Amino acid sequence: MVQEYRIACRVSALPDFQEGVRAVVIDKDNAPKWRPATLTGVTDAMLDDIFAPLIDGEWRPLP
């Protein structure tokens, strides 16, 4: 659950998530302009940022 929380929070804060919402929900043009435009543009550093460990206290399970 911690990993899913970590990934969901970080991905939803990226510009591509917002661009996808714009393209499908708001403008309904189904033409998102991704950054990077292709999968080959995704770097290891970008993935490392998404999967980096949580900061202490960033998430706690409910009692």
Protein backbone atom coordinates (compact mmCIF):
# COMPACT_ATOMS: atom_id res chain seq x y z
CA MET A 1 0.00 0.00 0.00
CA VAL A 2 2.88 2.35 0.72
CA GLN A 3 4.30 1.83 -2.77
CA GLU A 4 0.94 2.46 -4.44
CA TYR A 5 0.46 5.64 -2.40
CA ARG A 6 3.95 6.84 -3.26
CA ILE A 7 3.52 6.27 -6.99
CA ALA A 8 -0.02 7.70 -7.16
CA CYS A 9 0.96 10.91 -5.37
CA ARG A 10 4.01 11.50 -7.49
CA VAL A 11 2.47 10.61 -10.86
CA SER A 12 -0.63 12.72 -10.24
CA ALA A 13 1.60 15.74 -9.59
CA LEU A 14 3.41 15.39 -12.93
CA PRO A 15 2.41 17.57 -15.89
CA ASP A 16 1.54 14.50 -18.00
CA PHE A 17 -1.25 13.47 -15.61
CA GLN A 18 -2.77 16.92 -15.85
CA GLU A 19 -2.34 16.89 -19.64
CA GLY A 20 -4.13 13.55 -19.85
CA VAL A 21 -7.05 14.89 -17.80
CA ARG A 22 -7.19 17.96 -20.03
CA ALA A 23 -7.19 15.88 -23.22
CA VAL A 24 -9.83 13.37 -22.11
CA VAL A 25 -12.06 15.14 -19.57
CA ILE A 26 -11.84 18.88 -20.14
CA ASP A 27 -11.27 19.51 -23.86
CA LYS A 28 -12.26 15.98 -24.97
CA ASP A 29 -9.89 16.24 -27.93
CA ASN A 30 -8.14 12.95 -27.04
CA ALA A 31 -4.87 14.50 -28.21
CA PRO A 32 -2.55 14.78 -25.22
CA LYS A 33 0.84 16.34 -25.75
CA TRP A 34 3.08 14.16 -23.57
CA ARG A 35 6.46 15.25 -22.23
CA PRO A 36 8.52 13.39 -23.21
CA ALA A 37 6.68 12.58 -26.41
CA THR A 38 7.88 8.95 -26.61
CA LEU A 39 8.85 6.22 -24.16
CA THR A 40 12.44 6.47 -25.32
CA GLY A 41 12.53 9.93 -23.75
CA VAL A 42 11.76 8.56 -20.28
CA THR A 43 14.98 8.55 -18.27
CA ASP A 44 16.08 6.43 -15.35
CA ALA A 45 16.21 9.62 -13.27
CA MET A 46 12.52 10.28 -13.97
CA LEU A 47 11.62 6.79 -12.80
CA ASP A 48 13.90 7.07 -9.78
CA ASP A 49 12.03 10.22 -8.72
CA ILE A 50 8.69 8.41 -8.88
CA PHE A 51 9.90 5.33 -6.99
CA ALA A 52 12.11 7.12 -4.44
CA PRO A 53 11.47 6.17 -0.81
CA LEU A 54 8.94 8.20 1.11
CA ILE A 55 10.14 10.87 3.47
CA ASP A 56 9.67 9.91 7.14
CA GLY A 57 6.13 10.71 8.21
CA GLU A 58 4.91 11.20 4.62
CA TRP A 59 2.50 8.27 4.98
CA ARG A 60 1.14 6.33 7.94
CA PRO A 61 -1.48 3.60 7.86
CA LEU A 62 -4.72 4.29 9.71
CA PRO A 63 -4.86 2.77 13.21
